[in-house]
C-alpha cells in the first residue's frame, strides 16, 4: 500500500545580527508566515520567540536582534 504524501513545510533562511555583534546564520522561518504587506516583518517576531525558548531552556538571557537579512540572496 502506498504511503500518503505528507505536507512539506517550506522555510526561508535568515542571517541574524545581534546587538552584541554576534551573528547566527540560516535561522529557519516558515514560508507561510511571511509575505503580505509586512513581507519579512513577521520573521523578527518568530526568531525572537525561538530565541526566548532557547534562552529559557539554557538559563541565559536572550539577545536583542539588531538586523535580519535573508540568506542566499533570494
C-alpha atoms as a PDB file:
ATOM      1  CA  UNK A   1       0.000   0.000   0.000  1.00  0.00           C
ATOM      2  CA  UNK A   2       1.356   3.413  -0.951  1.00  0.00           C
ATOM      3  CA  UNK A   3       2.020   5.989   1.746  1.00  0.00           C
ATOM      4  CA  UNK A   4       0.056   9.212   1.798  1.00  0.00           C
ATOM      5  CA  UNK A   5       2.142  12.228   0.920  1.00  0.00           C
ATOM      6  CA  UNK A   6       2.865  14.400   3.919  1.00  0.00           C
ATOM      7  CA  UNK A   7       2.599  18.159   3.871  1.00  0.00           C
ATOM      8  CA  UNK A   8       6.017  19.584   3.156  1.00  0.00           C
ATOM      9  CA  UNK A   9       6.940  22.579   5.288  1.00  0.00           C
ATOM     10  CA  UNK A  10       8.954  25.163   3.404  1.00  0.00           C
ATOM     11  CA  UNK A  11      11.268  27.594   5.167  1.00  0.00           C
ATOM     12  CA  UNK A  12      13.088  30.824   4.446  1.00  0.00           C
ATOM     13  CA  UNK A  13      16.564  31.178   5.919  1.00  0.00           C
ATOM     14  CA  UNK A  14      17.698  34.363   7.666  1.00  0.00           C
ATOM     15  CA  UNK A  15      21.060  35.607   8.907  1.00  0.00           C
ATOM     16  CA  UNK A  16      20.663  37.369  12.247  1.00  0.00           C
ATOM     17  CA  UNK A  17      22.968  40.004  13.747  1.00  0.00           C
ATOM     18  CA  UNK A  18      22.544  40.700  17.467  1.00  0.00           C
ATOM     19  CA  UNK A  19      23.174  43.923  19.418  1.00  0.00           C
ATOM     20  CA  UNK A  20      26.392  42.490  20.923  1.00  0.00           C
ATOM     21  CA  UNK A  21      27.816  41.943  17.410  1.00  0.00           C
ATOM     22  CA  UNK A  22      27.382  38.178  17.309  1.00  0.00           C
ATOM     23  CA  UNK A  23      25.797  36.528  14.275  1.00  0.00           C
ATOM     24  CA  UNK A  24      23.748  33.411  13.607  1.00  0.00           C
ATOM     25  CA  UNK A  25      23.273  32.047  10.109  1.00  0.00           C
ATOM     26  CA  UNK A  26      20.451  30.136   8.478  1.00  0.00           C
ATOM     27  CA  UNK A  27      17.715  30.683  11.055  1.00  0.00           C
ATOM     28  CA  UNK A  28      14.560  28.998   9.717  1.00  0.00           C
ATOM     29  CA  UNK A  29      11.217  30.792   9.444  1.00  0.00           C
ATOM     30  CA  UNK A  30       8.147  29.091   7.890  1.00  0.00           C
ATOM     31  CA  UNK A  31       7.428  30.462   4.423  1.00  0.00           C
ATOM     32  CA  UNK A  32       3.682  30.697   5.064  1.00  0.00           C
ATOM     33  CA  UNK A  33       4.313  33.187   7.919  1.00  0.00           C
ATOM     34  CA  UNK A  34       5.946  35.664   5.525  1.00  0.00           C
ATOM     35  CA  UNK A  35       4.517  37.788   2.760  1.00  0.00           C
ATOM     36  CA  UNK A  36       1.552  40.086   2.640  1.00  0.00           C
ATOM     37  CA  UNK A  37       2.006  43.731   3.478  1.00  0.00           C
ATOM     38  CA  UNK A  38       4.632  43.076   6.170  1.00  0.00           C
ATOM     39  CA  UNK A  39       6.835  40.933   3.871  1.00  0.00           C
ATOM     40  CA  UNK A  40       9.705  39.785   6.171  1.00  0.00           C
ATOM     41  CA  UNK A  41       8.397  41.679   9.243  1.00  0.00           C
ATOM     42  CA  UNK A  42       6.947  38.604  10.990  1.00  0.00           C
ATOM     43  CA  UNK A  43      10.340  36.868  10.783  1.00  0.00           C
ATOM     44  CA  UNK A  44      11.703  39.066  13.596  1.00  0.00           C
ATOM     45  CA  UNK A  45       8.904  38.037  15.971  1.00  0.00           C
ATOM     46  CA  UNK A  46       9.302  34.352  15.080  1.00  0.00           C
ATOM     47  CA  UNK A  47      13.083  34.399  15.587  1.00  0.00           C
ATOM     48  CA  UNK A  48      12.691  36.338  18.860  1.00  0.00           C
ATOM     49  CA  UNK A  49      10.247  33.670  20.074  1.00  0.00           C
ATOM     50  CA  UNK A  50      12.750  30.949  19.126  1.00  0.00           C
ATOM     51  CA  UNK A  51      15.489  32.844  20.996  1.00  0.00           C
ATOM     52  CA  UNK A  52      13.304  33.190  24.120  1.00  0.00           C
ATOM     53  CA  UNK A  53      12.592  29.458  24.099  1.00  0.00           C
ATOM     54  CA  UNK A  54      16.294  28.614  23.812  1.00  0.00           C
ATOM     55  CA  UNK A  55      17.204  31.169  26.492  1.00  0.00           C
ATOM     56  CA  UNK A  56      14.600  29.720  28.844  1.00  0.00           C
ATOM     57  CA  UNK A  57      15.998  26.205  28.404  1.00  0.00           C
ATOM     58  CA  UNK A  58      19.642  27.289  28.741  1.00  0.00           C
ATOM     59  CA  UNK A  59      19.134  29.728  31.603  1.00  0.00           C
ATOM     60  CA  UNK A  60      20.864  32.543  29.706  1.00  0.00           C
ATOM     61  CA  UNK A  61      19.290  35.834  28.673  1.00  0.00           C
ATOM     62  CA  UNK A  62      18.069  36.206  25.089  1.00  0.00           C
ATOM     63  CA  UNK A  63      19.995  38.679  22.937  1.00  0.00           C
ATOM     64  CA  UNK A  64      18.344  41.646  21.201  1.00  0.00           C
ATOM     65  CA  UNK A  65      18.235  41.443  17.412  1.00  0.00           C
ATOM     66  CA  UNK A  66      19.973  44.273  15.581  1.00  0.00           C
ATOM     67  CA  UNK A  67      19.412  43.210  11.949  1.00  0.00           C
ATOM     68  CA  UNK A  68      17.848  40.454   9.846  1.00  0.00           C
ATOM     69  CA  UNK A  69      18.585  39.603   6.243  1.00  0.00           C
ATOM     70  CA  UNK A  70      17.525  36.738   4.043  1.00  0.00           C
ATOM     71  CA  UNK A  71      20.252  34.187   3.468  1.00  0.00           C
ATOM     72  CA  UNK A  72      21.194  33.249  -0.068  1.00  0.00           C
ATOM     73  CA  UNK A  73      20.000  36.448  -1.709  1.00  0.00           C
ATOM     74  CA  UNK A  74      16.545  35.089  -2.635  1.00  0.00           C
END
